[in-house]
């Protein structure tokens, strides 16, 4: 599990709903759904209206939604966690570390993406 990241660009915004720390968020600052296009990874837990910081370029620490291998292309699950990309949905990151189960924190390389 990782606690490190190298953020090259972080953007601030206002949470459009509840967001869990280390989950992917959309360009509208909402927690990402399954296969969603993402802006980046939120640094803190937030509720509607909270100011948040999102890591957009570089590496970020994200919560895995299932086991993933280092080197896997990643997409989002229904709650904004990282899953191995499954041929559909936006590729949002590249796993730099493996996770053996859901809930583990891993470092990822963020990928600018379009669904």
PDB file of N, CA and C in Angstrom:
ATOM      1  N   UNK A   1       0.845  -1.177   0.000  1.00  0.00           N
ATOM      2  CA  UNK A   1       0.000   0.000   0.000  1.00  0.00           C
ATOM      3  C   UNK A   1       0.887   1.235   0.000  1.00  0.00           C
ATOM      4  N   UNK A   2       0.376   2.277  -0.628  1.00  0.00           N
ATOM      5  CA  UNK A   2       1.173   3.475  -0.823  1.00  0.00           C
ATOM      6  C   UNK A   2       0.566   4.670  -0.114  1.00  0.00           C
ATOM      7  N   UNK A   3       1.401   5.562   0.307  1.00  0.00           N
ATOM      8  CA  UNK A   3       0.955   6.819   0.856  1.00  0.00           C
ATOM      9  C   UNK A   3       1.615   7.984   0.149  1.00  0.00           C
ATOM     10  N   UNK A   4       2.312   7.680  -0.942  1.00  0.00           N
ATOM     11  CA  UNK A   4       3.055   8.722  -1.642  1.00  0.00           C
ATOM     12  C   UNK A   4       2.379   9.081  -2.952  1.00  0.00           C
ATOM     13  N   UNK A   5       2.652  10.278  -3.413  1.00  0.00           N
ATOM     14  CA  UNK A   5       2.236  10.666  -4.759  1.00  0.00           C
ATOM     15  C   UNK A   5       3.066  11.869  -5.193  1.00  0.00           C
ATOM     16  N   UNK A   6       3.112  12.087  -6.508  1.00  0.00           N
ATOM     17  CA  UNK A   6       3.800  13.240  -7.074  1.00  0.00           C
ATOM     18  C   UNK A   6       2.784  13.969  -7.944  1.00  0.00           C
ATOM     19  N   UNK A   7       2.199  15.005  -7.398  1.00  0.00           N
ATOM     20  CA  UNK A   7       1.199  15.769  -8.128  1.00  0.00           C
ATOM     21  C   UNK A   7       1.883  16.867  -8.932  1.00  0.00           C
ATOM     22  N   UNK A   8       1.664  16.851 -10.250  1.00  0.00           N
ATOM     23  CA  UNK A   8       2.202  17.888 -11.116  1.00  0.00           C
ATOM     24  C   UNK A   8       1.198  19.006 -11.326  1.00  0.00           C
ATOM     25  N   UNK A   9      -0.092  18.690 -11.175  1.00  0.00           N
ATOM     26  CA  UNK A   9      -1.166  19.676 -11.290  1.00  0.00           C
ATOM     27  C   UNK A   9      -2.312  19.255 -10.400  1.00  0.00           C
ATOM     28  N   UNK A  10      -2.723  20.143  -9.517  1.00  0.00           N
ATOM     29  CA  UNK A  10      -3.888  19.921  -8.661  1.00  0.00           C
ATOM     30  C   UNK A  10      -4.840  21.091  -8.883  1.00  0.00           C
ATOM     31  N   UNK A  11      -6.120  20.776  -8.973  1.00  0.00           N
ATOM     32  CA  UNK A  11      -7.144  21.812  -9.152  1.00  0.00           C
ATOM     33  C   UNK A  11      -8.079  21.821  -7.958  1.00  0.00           C
ATOM     34  N   UNK A  12      -8.562  23.009  -7.624  1.00  0.00           N
ATOM     35  CA  UNK A  12      -9.529  23.157  -6.542  1.00  0.00           C
ATOM     36  C   UNK A  12     -10.915  23.334  -7.126  1.00  0.00           C
ATOM     37  N   UNK A  13     -11.913  22.858  -6.408  1.00  0.00           N
ATOM     38  CA  UNK A  13     -13.296  22.997  -6.840  1.00  0.00           C
ATOM     39  C   UNK A  13     -14.230  22.814  -5.668  1.00  0.00           C
ATOM     40  N   UNK A  14     -15.516  22.795  -5.972  1.00  0.00           N
ATOM     41  CA  UNK A  14     -16.551  22.613  -4.965  1.00  0.00           C
ATOM     42  C   UNK A  14     -17.218  21.268  -5.199  1.00  0.00           C
ATOM     43  N   UNK A  15     -17.259  20.435  -4.173  1.00  0.00           N
ATOM     44  CA  UNK A  15     -17.832  19.093  -4.287  1.00  0.00           C
ATOM     45  C   UNK A  15     -19.294  19.173  -4.696  1.00  0.00           C
ATOM     46  N   UNK A  16     -19.647  18.391  -5.722  1.00  0.00           N
ATOM     47  CA  UNK A  16     -21.028  18.350  -6.221  1.00  0.00           C
ATOM     48  C   UNK A  16     -21.841  17.275  -5.504  1.00  0.00           C
ATOM     49  N   UNK A  17     -21.286  16.685  -4.471  1.00  0.00           N
ATOM     50  CA  UNK A  17     -21.948  15.644  -3.684  1.00  0.00           C
ATOM     51  C   UNK A  17     -20.929  15.025  -2.757  1.00  0.00           C
ATOM     52  N   UNK A  18     -21.300  13.922  -2.135  1.00  0.00           N
ATOM     53  CA  UNK A  18     -20.378  13.222  -1.233  1.00  0.00           C
ATOM     54  C   UNK A  18     -19.243  12.594  -2.034  1.00  0.00           C
ATOM     55  N   UNK A  19     -18.010  12.769  -1.552  1.00  0.00           N
ATOM     56  CA  UNK A  19     -16.822  12.207  -2.191  1.00  0.00           C
ATOM     57  C   UNK A  19     -15.945  11.601  -1.102  1.00  0.00           C
ATOM     58  N   UNK A  20     -15.443  10.422  -1.377  1.00  0.00           N
ATOM     59  CA  UNK A  20     -14.538   9.745  -0.448  1.00  0.00           C
ATOM     60  C   UNK A  20     -13.099  10.030  -0.844  1.00  0.00           C
ATOM     61  N   UNK A  21     -12.252  10.251   0.142  1.00  0.00           N
ATOM     62  CA  UNK A  21     -10.840  10.488  -0.132  1.00  0.00           C
ATOM     63  C   UNK A  21     -10.256   9.343  -0.957  1.00  0.00           C
ATOM     64  N   UNK A  22      -9.339   9.669  -1.851  1.00  0.00           N
ATOM     65  CA  UNK A  22      -8.649   8.706  -2.715  1.00  0.00           C
ATOM     66  C   UNK A  22      -9.570   8.033  -3.722  1.00  0.00           C
ATOM     67  N   UNK A  23     -10.685   8.677  -4.060  1.00  0.00           N
ATOM     68  CA  UNK A  23     -11.572   8.192  -5.114  1.00  0.00           C
ATOM     69  C   UNK A  23     -11.486   9.145  -6.305  1.00  0.00           C
ATOM     70  N   UNK A  24     -11.748   8.611  -7.504  1.00  0.00           N
ATOM     71  CA  UNK A  24     -11.766   9.426  -8.719  1.00  0.00           C
ATOM     72  C   UNK A  24     -12.986  10.336  -8.726  1.00  0.00           C
ATOM     73  N   UNK A  25     -12.815  11.534  -9.293  1.00  0.00           N
ATOM     74  CA  UNK A  25     -13.921  12.476  -9.438  1.00  0.00           C
ATOM     75  C   UNK A  25     -14.041  12.909 -10.900  1.00  0.00           C
ATOM     76  N   UNK A  26     -15.233  13.348 -11.264  1.00  0.00           N
ATOM     77  CA  UNK A  26     -15.530  13.796 -12.622  1.00  0.00           C
ATOM     78  C   UNK A  26     -15.109  15.248 -12.807  1.00  0.00           C
ATOM     79  N   UNK A  27     -15.112  15.738 -14.065  1.00  0.00           N
ATOM     80  CA  UNK A  27     -14.827  17.159 -14.291  1.00  0.00           C
ATOM     81  C   UNK A  27     -15.817  18.093 -13.579  1.00  0.00           C
ATOM     82  N   UNK A  28     -16.985  17.576 -13.202  1.00  0.00           N
ATOM     83  CA  UNK A  28     -17.964  18.368 -12.459  1.00  0.00           C
ATOM     84  C   UNK A  28     -17.780  18.284 -10.949  1.00  0.00           C
ATOM     85  N   UNK A  29     -16.663  17.704 -10.495  1.00  0.00           N
ATOM     86  CA  UNK A  29     -16.323  17.569  -9.071  1.00  0.00           C
ATOM     87  C   UNK A  29     -17.325  16.706  -8.301  1.00  0.00           C
ATOM     88  N   UNK A  30     -17.806  15.647  -8.964  1.00  0.00           N
ATOM     89  CA  UNK A  30     -18.654  14.629  -8.328  1.00  0.00           C
ATOM     90  C   UNK A  30     -17.871  13.322  -8.297  1.00  0.00           C
ATOM     91  N   UNK A  31     -18.176  12.443  -7.346  1.00  0.00           N
ATOM     92  CA  UNK A  31     -17.513  11.147  -7.321  1.00  0.00           C
ATOM     93  C   UNK A  31     -17.865  10.393  -8.592  1.00  0.00           C
ATOM     94  N   UNK A  32     -16.857   9.826  -9.239  1.00  0.00           N
ATOM     95  CA  UNK A  32     -17.043   9.156 -10.526  1.00  0.00           C
ATOM     96  C   UNK A  32     -17.838   7.865 -10.377  1.00  0.00           C
ATOM     97  N   UNK A  33     -18.610   7.542 -11.413  1.00  0.00           N
ATOM     98  CA  UNK A  33     -19.330   6.276 -11.484  1.00  0.00           C
ATOM     99  C   UNK A  33     -18.570   5.282 -12.340  1.00  0.00           C
ATOM    100  N   UNK A  34     -19.186   4.156 -12.612  1.00  0.00           N
ATOM    101  CA  UNK A  34     -18.545   3.071 -13.362  1.00  0.00           C
ATOM    102  C   UNK A  34     -18.144   3.513 -14.766  1.00  0.00           C
ATOM    103  N   UNK A  35     -16.873   3.340 -15.106  1.00  0.00           N
ATOM    104  CA  UNK A  35     -16.365   3.636 -16.438  1.00  0.00           C
ATOM    105  C   UNK A  35     -16.358   5.101 -16.820  1.00  0.00           C
ATOM    106  N   UNK A  36     -16.477   5.981 -15.847  1.00  0.00           N
ATOM    107  CA  UNK A  36     -16.638   7.419 -16.101  1.00  0.00           C
ATOM    108  C   UNK A  36     -15.355   8.093 -16.574  1.00  0.00           C
ATOM    109  N   UNK A  37     -15.542   9.179 -17.320  1.00  0.00           N
ATOM    110  CA  UNK A  37     -14.451  10.093 -17.635  1.00  0.00           C
ATOM    111  C   UNK A  37     -14.131  10.835 -16.336  1.00  0.00           C
ATOM    112  N   UNK A  38     -12.858  10.958 -16.001  1.00  0.00           N
ATOM    113  CA  UNK A  38     -12.495  11.577 -14.721  1.00  0.00           C
ATOM    114  C   UNK A  38     -11.583  12.772 -14.894  1.00  0.00           C
ATOM    115  N   UNK A  39     -11.627  13.637 -13.895  1.00  0.00           N
ATOM    116  CA  UNK A  39     -10.707  14.769 -13.811  1.00  0.00           C
ATOM    117  C   UNK A  39      -9.442  14.344 -13.081  1.00  0.00           C
ATOM    118  N   UNK A  40      -9.599  13.563 -12.025  1.00  0.00           N
ATOM    119  CA  UNK A  40      -8.468  13.128 -11.215  1.00  0.00           C
ATOM    120  C   UNK A  40      -8.940  12.473  -9.939  1.00  0.00           C
ATOM    121  N   UNK A  41      -8.110  12.544  -8.898  1.00  0.00           N
ATOM    122  CA  UNK A  41      -8.369  11.878  -7.624  1.00  0.00           C
ATOM    123  C   UNK A  41      -8.464  12.909  -6.514  1.00  0.00           C
ATOM    124  N   UNK A  42      -9.522  12.808  -5.714  1.00  0.00           N
ATOM    125  CA  UNK A  42      -9.752  13.753  -4.617  1.00  0.00           C
ATOM    126  C   UNK A  42      -8.833  13.441  -3.444  1.00  0.00           C
ATOM    127  N   UNK A  43      -8.268  14.481  -2.862  1.00  0.00           N
ATOM    128  CA  UNK A  43      -7.340  14.319  -1.737  1.00  0.00           C
ATOM    129  C   UNK A  43      -8.038  14.154  -0.394  1.00  0.00           C
ATOM    130  N   UNK A  44      -9.315  14.531  -0.286  1.00  0.00           N
ATOM    131  CA  UNK A  44      -9.978  14.468   1.010  1.00  0.00           C
ATOM    132  C   UNK A  44     -11.438  14.056   0.867  1.00  0.00           C
ATOM    133  N   UNK A  45     -12.015  13.583   1.969  1.00  0.00           N
ATOM    134  CA  UNK A  45     -13.437  13.264   1.999  1.00  0.00           C
ATOM    135  C   UNK A  45     -14.211  14.571   2.055  1.00  0.00           C
ATOM    136  N   UNK A  46     -15.340  14.627   1.327  1.00  0.00           N
ATOM    137  CA  UNK A  46     -16.105  15.873   1.252  1.00  0.00           C
ATOM    138  C   UNK A  46     -17.591  15.567   1.161  1.00  0.00           C
ATOM    139  N   UNK A  47     -18.381  16.573   1.480  1.00  0.00           N
ATOM    140  CA  UNK A  47     -19.824  16.538   1.268  1.00  0.00           C
ATOM    141  C   UNK A  47     -20.185  17.695   0.338  1.00  0.00           C
ATOM    142  N   UNK A  48     -21.396  17.692  -0.146  1.00  0.00           N
ATOM    143  CA  UNK A  48     -21.870  18.725  -1.066  1.00  0.00           C
ATOM    144  C   UNK A  48     -21.475  20.115  -0.576  1.00  0.00           C
ATOM    145  N   UNK A  49     -20.815  20.877  -1.443  1.00  0.00           N
ATOM    146  CA  UNK A  49     -20.448  22.254  -1.142  1.00  0.00           C
ATOM    147  C   UNK A  49     -19.072  22.456  -0.540  1.00  0.00           C
ATOM    148  N   UNK A  50     -18.426  21.373  -0.098  1.00  0.00           N
ATOM    149  CA  UNK A  50     -17.072  21.500   0.457  1.00  0.00           C
ATOM    150  C   UNK A  50     -16.075  21.868  -0.642  1.00  0.00           C
ATOM    151  N   UNK A  51     -15.054  22.622  -0.285  1.00  0.00           N
ATOM    152  CA  UNK A  51     -13.944  22.902  -1.192  1.00  0.00           C
ATOM    153  C   UNK A  51     -13.033  21.678  -1.202  1.00  0.00           C
ATOM    154  N   UNK A  52     -12.632  21.236  -2.395  1.00  0.00           N
ATOM    155  CA  UNK A  52     -11.794  20.050  -2.519  1.00  0.00           C
ATOM    156  C   UNK A  52     -10.587  20.331  -3.417  1.00  0.00           C
ATOM    157  N   UNK A  53      -9.561  19.490  -3.268  1.00  0.00           N
ATOM    158  CA  UNK A  53      -8.387  19.523  -4.133  1.00  0.00           C
ATOM    159  C   UNK A  53      -8.311  18.186  -4.843  1.00  0.00           C
ATOM    160  N   UNK A  54      -8.119  18.258  -6.169  1.00  0.00           N
ATOM    161  CA  UNK A  54      -8.082  17.066  -7.003  1.00  0.00           C
ATOM    162  C   UNK A  54      -6.733  17.004  -7.723  1.00  0.00           C
ATOM    163  N   UNK A  55      -6.013  15.890  -7.542  1.00  0.00           N
ATOM    164  CA  UNK A  55      -4.786  15.670  -8.295  1.00  0.00           C
ATOM    165  C   UNK A  55      -5.169  15.287  -9.717  1.00  0.00           C
ATOM    166  N   UNK A  56      -4.669  16.059 -10.701  1.00  0.00           N
ATOM    167  CA  UNK A  56      -5.082  15.916 -12.092  1.00  0.00           C
ATOM    168  C   UNK A  56      -3.983  15.318 -12.969  1.00  0.00           C
ATOM    169  N   UNK A  57      -2.749  15.730 -12.768  1.00  0.00           N
ATOM    170  CA  UNK A  57      -1.610  15.208 -13.534  1.00  0.00           C
ATOM    171  C   UNK A  57      -0.537  14.740 -12.571  1.00  0.00           C
ATOM    172  N   UNK A  58       0.159  13.687 -12.963  1.00  0.00           N
ATOM    173  CA  UNK A  58       1.207  13.121 -12.127  1.00  0.00           C
ATOM    174  C   UNK A  58       0.743  11.803 -11.555  1.00  0.00           C
ATOM    175  N   UNK A  59       1.160  11.513 -10.327  1.00  0.00           N
ATOM    176  CA  UNK A  59       0.695  10.295  -9.675  1.00  0.00           C
ATOM    177  C   UNK A  59      -0.230  10.670  -8.529  1.00  0.00           C
ATOM    178  N   UNK A  60      -1.071   9.711  -8.147  1.00  0.00           N
ATOM    179  CA  UNK A  60      -2.017   9.921  -7.046  1.00  0.00           C
ATOM    180  C   UNK A  60      -2.188   8.606  -6.306  1.00  0.00           C
ATOM    181  N   UNK A  61      -2.657   8.697  -5.087  1.00  0.00           N
ATOM    182  CA  UNK A  61      -2.993   7.516  -4.300  1.00  0.00           C
ATOM    183  C   UNK A  61      -4.491   7.318  -4.425  1.00  0.00           C
ATOM    184  N   UNK A  62      -4.884   6.104  -4.855  1.00  0.00           N
ATOM    185  CA  UNK A  62      -6.292   5.806  -5.093  1.00  0.00           C
ATOM    186  C   UNK A  62      -6.669   4.497  -4.404  1.00  0.00           C
ATOM    187  N   UNK A  63      -7.933   4.380  -4.027  1.00  0.00           N
ATOM    188  CA  UNK A  63      -8.434   3.151  -3.421  1.00  0.00           C
ATOM    189  C   UNK A  63      -8.807   2.160  -4.517  1.00  0.00           C
ATOM    190  N   UNK A  64      -8.336   0.932  -4.372  1.00  0.00           N
ATOM    191  CA  UNK A  64      -8.678  -0.127  -5.322  1.00  0.00           C
ATOM    192  C   UNK A  64     -10.075  -0.663  -5.015  1.00  0.00           C
ATOM    193  N   UNK A  65     -10.819  -0.972  -6.085  1.00  0.00           N
ATOM    194  CA  UNK A  65     -12.156  -1.568  -5.933  1.00  0.00           C
ATOM    195  C   UNK A  65     -12.119  -3.082  -6.018  1.00  0.00           C
ATOM    196  N   UNK A  66     -10.956  -3.630  -6.359  1.00  0.00           N
ATOM    197  CA  UNK A  66     -10.728  -5.074  -6.478  1.00  0.00           C
ATOM    198  C   UNK A  66      -9.220  -5.261  -6.620  1.00  0.00           C
ATOM    199  N   UNK A  67      -8.778  -6.503  -6.723  1.00  0.00           N
ATOM    200  CA  UNK A  67      -7.368  -6.770  -6.952  1.00  0.00           C
ATOM    201  C   UNK A  67      -6.964  -6.224  -8.319  1.00  0.00           C
ATOM    202  N   UNK A  68      -5.797  -5.580  -8.384  1.00  0.00           N
ATOM    203  CA  UNK A  68      -5.233  -5.100  -9.653  1.00  0.00           C
ATOM    204  C   UNK A  68      -3.739  -5.408  -9.648  1.00  0.00           C
ATOM    205  N   UNK A  69      -3.191  -5.555 -10.839  1.00  0.00           N
ATOM    206  CA  UNK A  69      -1.763  -5.799 -10.989  1.00  0.00           C
ATOM    207  C   UNK A  69      -1.038  -4.506 -11.329  1.00  0.00           C
ATOM    208  N   UNK A  70       0.188  -4.373 -10.887  1.00  0.00           N
ATOM    209  CA  UNK A  70       1.012  -3.243 -11.320  1.00  0.00           C
ATOM    210  C   UNK A  70       1.110  -3.313 -12.839  1.00  0.00           C
ATOM    211  N   UNK A  71       0.950  -2.180 -13.493  1.00  0.00           N
ATOM    212  CA  UNK A  71       0.994  -2.116 -14.951  1.00  0.00           C
ATOM    213  C   UNK A  71      -0.365  -2.190 -15.615  1.00  0.00           C
ATOM    214  N   UNK A  72      -1.422  -2.523 -14.874  1.00  0.00           N
ATOM    215  CA  UNK A  72      -2.776  -2.579 -15.444  1.00  0.00           C
ATOM    216  C   UNK A  72      -3.273  -1.186 -15.800  1.00  0.00           C
ATOM    217  N   UNK A  73      -3.968  -1.082 -16.930  1.00  0.00           N
ATOM    218  CA  UNK A  73      -4.753   0.128 -17.224  1.00  0.00           C
ATOM    219  C   UNK A  73      -5.965   0.072 -16.317  1.00  0.00           C
ATOM    220  N   UNK A  74      -6.380   1.241 -15.819  1.00  0.00           N
ATOM    221  CA  UNK A  74      -7.460   1.274 -14.837  1.00  0.00           C
ATOM    222  C   UNK A  74      -8.658   2.084 -15.316  1.00  0.00           C
ATOM    223  N   UNK A  75      -9.818   1.713 -14.788  1.00  0.00           N
ATOM    224  CA  UNK A  75     -11.067   2.445 -14.975  1.00  0.00           C
ATOM    225  C   UNK A  75     -11.701   2.589 -13.591  1.00  0.00           C
ATOM    226  N   UNK A  76     -12.858   3.232 -13.525  1.00  0.00           N
ATOM    227  CA  UNK A  76     -13.526   3.429 -12.238  1.00  0.00           C
ATOM    228  C   UNK A  76     -14.663   2.437 -12.036  1.00  0.00           C
ATOM    229  N   UNK A  77     -14.904   2.092 -10.770  1.00  0.00           N
ATOM    230  CA  UNK A  77     -16.085   1.300 -10.442  1.00  0.00           C
ATOM    231  C   UNK A  77     -17.228   2.259 -10.111  1.00  0.00           C
ATOM    232  N   UNK A  78     -18.340   1.760  -9.638  1.00  0.00           N
ATOM    233  CA  UNK A  78     -19.533   2.580  -9.386  1.00  0.00           C
ATOM    234  C   UNK A  78     -19.341   3.622  -8.296  1.00  0.00           C
ATOM    235  N   UNK A  79     -18.288   3.476  -7.476  1.00  0.00           N
ATOM    236  CA  UNK A  79     -18.062   4.437  -6.393  1.00  0.00           C
ATOM    237  C   UNK A  79     -16.747   5.200  -6.539  1.00  0.00           C
ATOM    238  N   UNK A  80     -16.159   5.201  -7.744  1.00  0.00           N
ATOM    239  CA  UNK A  80     -14.959   5.994  -7.983  1.00  0.00           C
ATOM    240  C   UNK A  80     -13.654   5.340  -7.595  1.00  0.00           C
ATOM    241  N   UNK A  81     -13.686   4.040  -7.278  1.00  0.00           N
ATOM    242  CA  UNK A  81     -12.450   3.322  -6.970  1.00  0.00           C
ATOM    243  C   UNK A  81     -11.845   2.765  -8.254  1.00  0.00           C
ATOM    244  N   UNK A  82     -10.603   2.290  -8.185  1.00  0.00           N
ATOM    245  CA  UNK A  82      -9.875   1.788  -9.355  1.00  0.00           C
ATOM    246  C   UNK A  82     -10.135   0.309  -9.592  1.00  0.00           C
ATOM    247  N   UNK A  83     -10.413  -0.026 -10.854  1.00  0.00           N
ATOM    248  CA  UNK A  83     -10.546  -1.412 -11.314  1.00  0.00           C
ATOM    249  C   UNK A  83      -9.695  -1.597 -12.562  1.00  0.00           C
ATOM    250  N   UNK A  84      -9.314  -2.831 -12.847  1.00  0.00           N
ATOM    251  CA  UNK A  84      -8.631  -3.127 -14.108  1.00  0.00           C
ATOM    252  C   UNK A  84      -9.580  -2.802 -15.256  1.00  0.00           C
ATOM    253  N   UNK A  85      -9.069  -2.095 -16.269  1.00  0.00           N
ATOM    254  CA  UNK A  85      -9.872  -1.670 -17.413  1.00  0.00           C
ATOM    255  C   UNK A  85     -10.451  -2.888 -18.118  1.00  0.00           C
ATOM    256  N   UNK A  86     -11.722  -2.811 -18.493  1.00  0.00           N
ATOM    257  CA  UNK A  86     -12.437  -3.966 -19.052  1.00  0.00           C
ATOM    258  C   UNK A  86     -12.981  -3.701 -20.447  1.00  0.00           C
ATOM    259  N   UNK A  87     -12.183  -3.142 -21.333  1.00  0.00           N
ATOM    260  CA  UNK A  87     -12.497  -2.948 -22.744  1.00  0.00           C
ATOM    261  C   UNK A  87     -13.536  -1.852 -23.004  1.00  0.00           C
ATOM    262  N   UNK A  88     -14.295  -1.436 -22.024  1.00  0.00           N
ATOM    263  CA  UNK A  88     -15.205  -0.312 -22.209  1.00  0.00           C
ATOM    264  C   UNK A  88     -15.009   0.659 -21.055  1.00  0.00           C
ATOM    265  N   UNK A  89     -15.456   1.879 -21.255  1.00  0.00           N
ATOM    266  CA  UNK A  89     -15.238   2.898 -20.238  1.00  0.00           C
ATOM    267  C   UNK A  89     -13.905   3.593 -20.457  1.00  0.00           C
ATOM    268  N   UNK A  90     -13.723   4.691 -19.774  1.00  0.00           N
ATOM    269  CA  UNK A  90     -12.516   5.506 -19.926  1.00  0.00           C
ATOM    270  C   UNK A  90     -11.336   4.886 -19.187  1.00  0.00           C
ATOM    271  N   UNK A  91     -10.167   4.875 -19.831  1.00  0.00           N
ATOM    272  CA  UNK A  91      -8.924   4.524 -19.148  1.00  0.00           C
ATOM    273  C   UNK A  91      -8.491   5.773 -18.397  1.00  0.00           C
ATOM    274  N   UNK A  92      -8.391   5.674 -17.073  1.00  0.00           N
ATOM    275  CA  UNK A  92      -8.136   6.861 -16.263  1.00  0.00           C
ATOM    276  C   UNK A  92      -6.768   6.884 -15.599  1.00  0.00           C
ATOM    277  N   UNK A  93      -6.104   5.721 -15.521  1.00  0.00           N
ATOM    278  CA  UNK A  93      -4.816   5.660 -14.832  1.00  0.00           C
ATOM    279  C   UNK A  93      -4.103   4.360 -15.179  1.00  0.00           C
ATOM    280  N   UNK A  94      -2.830   4.309 -14.795  1.00  0.00           N
ATOM    281  CA  UNK A  94      -2.006   3.119 -14.919  1.00  0.00           C
ATOM    282  C   UNK A  94      -1.544   2.755 -13.515  1.00  0.00           C
ATOM    283  N   UNK A  95      -1.774   1.516 -13.104  1.00  0.00           N
ATOM    284  CA  UNK A  95      -1.380   1.077 -11.762  1.00  0.00           C
ATOM    285  C   UNK A  95       0.136   0.992 -11.655  1.00  0.00           C
ATOM    286  N   UNK A  96       0.707   1.695 -10.702  1.00  0.00           N
ATOM    287  CA  UNK A  96       2.142   1.618 -10.426  1.00  0.00           C
ATOM    288  C   UNK A  96       2.437   0.590  -9.340  1.00  0.00           C
ATOM    289  N   UNK A  97       1.382   0.200  -8.622  1.00  0.00           N
ATOM    290  CA  UNK A  97       1.501  -0.794  -7.566  1.00  0.00           C
ATOM    291  C   UNK A  97       0.325  -1.764  -7.688  1.00  0.00           C
ATOM    292  N   UNK A  98       0.494  -2.955  -7.135  1.00  0.00           N
ATOM    293  CA  UNK A  98      -0.570  -3.950  -7.129  1.00  0.00           C
ATOM    294  C   UNK A  98      -1.417  -3.810  -5.867  1.00  0.00           C
ATOM    295  N   UNK A  99      -2.675  -4.208  -5.991  1.00  0.00           N
ATOM    296  CA  UNK A  99      -3.562  -4.351  -4.835  1.00  0.00           C
ATOM    297  C   UNK A  99      -4.060  -5.789  -4.843  1.00  0.00           C
ATOM    298  N   UNK A 100      -4.074  -6.432  -3.696  1.00  0.00           N
ATOM    299  CA  UNK A 100      -4.534  -7.818  -3.625  1.00  0.00           C
ATOM    300  C   UNK A 100      -6.012  -7.922  -3.302  1.00  0.00           C
ATOM    301  N   UNK A 101      -6.630  -6.795  -2.916  1.00  0.00           N
ATOM    302  CA  UNK A 101      -8.053  -6.803  -2.566  1.00  0.00           C
ATOM    303  C   UNK A 101      -8.617  -5.389  -2.603  1.00  0.00           C
ATOM    304  N   UNK A 102      -9.918  -5.296  -2.632  1.00  0.00           N
ATOM    305  CA  UNK A 102     -10.597  -3.999  -2.566  1.00  0.00           C
ATOM    306  C   UNK A 102     -10.237  -3.299  -1.258  1.00  0.00           C
ATOM    307  N   UNK A 103     -10.193  -1.971  -1.327  1.00  0.00           N
ATOM    308  CA  UNK A 103      -9.946  -1.169  -0.138  1.00  0.00           C
ATOM    309  C   UNK A 103      -8.492  -0.785   0.066  1.00  0.00           C
ATOM    310  N   UNK A 104      -7.572  -1.419  -0.658  1.00  0.00           N
ATOM    311  CA  UNK A 104      -6.166  -1.084  -0.511  1.00  0.00           C
ATOM    312  C   UNK A 104      -5.853   0.189  -1.293  1.00  0.00           C
ATOM    313  N   UNK A 105      -4.896   0.966  -0.783  1.00  0.00           N
ATOM    314  CA  UNK A 105      -4.460   2.191  -1.441  1.00  0.00           C
ATOM    315  C   UNK A 105      -3.228   1.901  -2.284  1.00  0.00           C
ATOM    316  N   UNK A 106      -3.260   2.357  -3.542  1.00  0.00           N
ATOM    317  CA  UNK A 106      -2.129   2.144  -4.457  1.00  0.00           C
ATOM    318  C   UNK A 106      -1.795   3.454  -5.158  1.00  0.00           C
ATOM    319  N   UNK A 107      -0.542   3.562  -5.585  1.00  0.00           N
ATOM    320  CA  UNK A 107      -0.135   4.726  -6.367  1.00  0.00           C
ATOM    321  C   UNK A 107      -0.408   4.438  -7.840  1.00  0.00           C
ATOM    322  N   UNK A 108      -0.974   5.422  -8.530  1.00  0.00           N
ATOM    323  CA  UNK A 108      -1.298   5.295  -9.955  1.00  0.00           C
ATOM    324  C   UNK A 108      -0.746   6.492 -10.715  1.00  0.00           C
ATOM    325  N   UNK A 109      -0.491   6.294 -12.005  1.00  0.00           N
ATOM    326  CA  UNK A 109      -0.136   7.380 -12.904  1.00  0.00           C
ATOM    327  C   UNK A 109      -1.425   7.828 -13.576  1.00  0.00           C
ATOM    328  N   UNK A 110      -1.800   9.079 -13.379  1.00  0.00           N
ATOM    329  CA  UNK A 110      -3.051   9.598 -13.943  1.00  0.00           C
ATOM    330  C   UNK A 110      -2.922   9.780 -15.444  1.00  0.00           C
ATOM    331  N   UNK A 111      -3.974   9.455 -16.175  1.00  0.00           N
ATOM    332  CA  UNK A 111      -4.013   9.567 -17.634  1.00  0.00           C
ATOM    333  C   UNK A 111      -5.137  10.522 -18.008  1.00  0.00           C
ATOM    334  N   UNK A 112      -4.822  11.615 -18.726  1.00  0.00           N
ATOM    335  CA  UNK A 112      -5.921  12.448 -19.252  1.00  0.00           C
ATOM    336  C   UNK A 112      -6.805  11.555 -20.115  1.00  0.00           C
ATOM    337  N   UNK A 113      -8.126  11.646 -19.950  1.00  0.00           N
ATOM    338  CA  UNK A 113      -9.001  10.659 -20.569  1.00  0.00           C
ATOM    339  C   UNK A 113     -10.299  11.240 -21.107  1.00  0.00           C
ATOM    340  N   UNK A 114     -10.868  10.505 -22.020  1.00  0.00           N
ATOM    341  CA  UNK A 114     -12.174  10.806 -22.583  1.00  0.00           C
ATOM    342  C   UNK A 114     -12.877   9.477 -22.778  1.00  0.00           C
ATOM    343  N   UNK A 115     -14.100   9.373 -22.313  1.00  0.00           N
ATOM    344  CA  UNK A 115     -14.841   8.105 -22.446  1.00  0.00           C
ATOM    345  C   UNK A 115     -15.195   7.848 -23.889  1.00  0.00           C
TER     346      UNK A 115
END
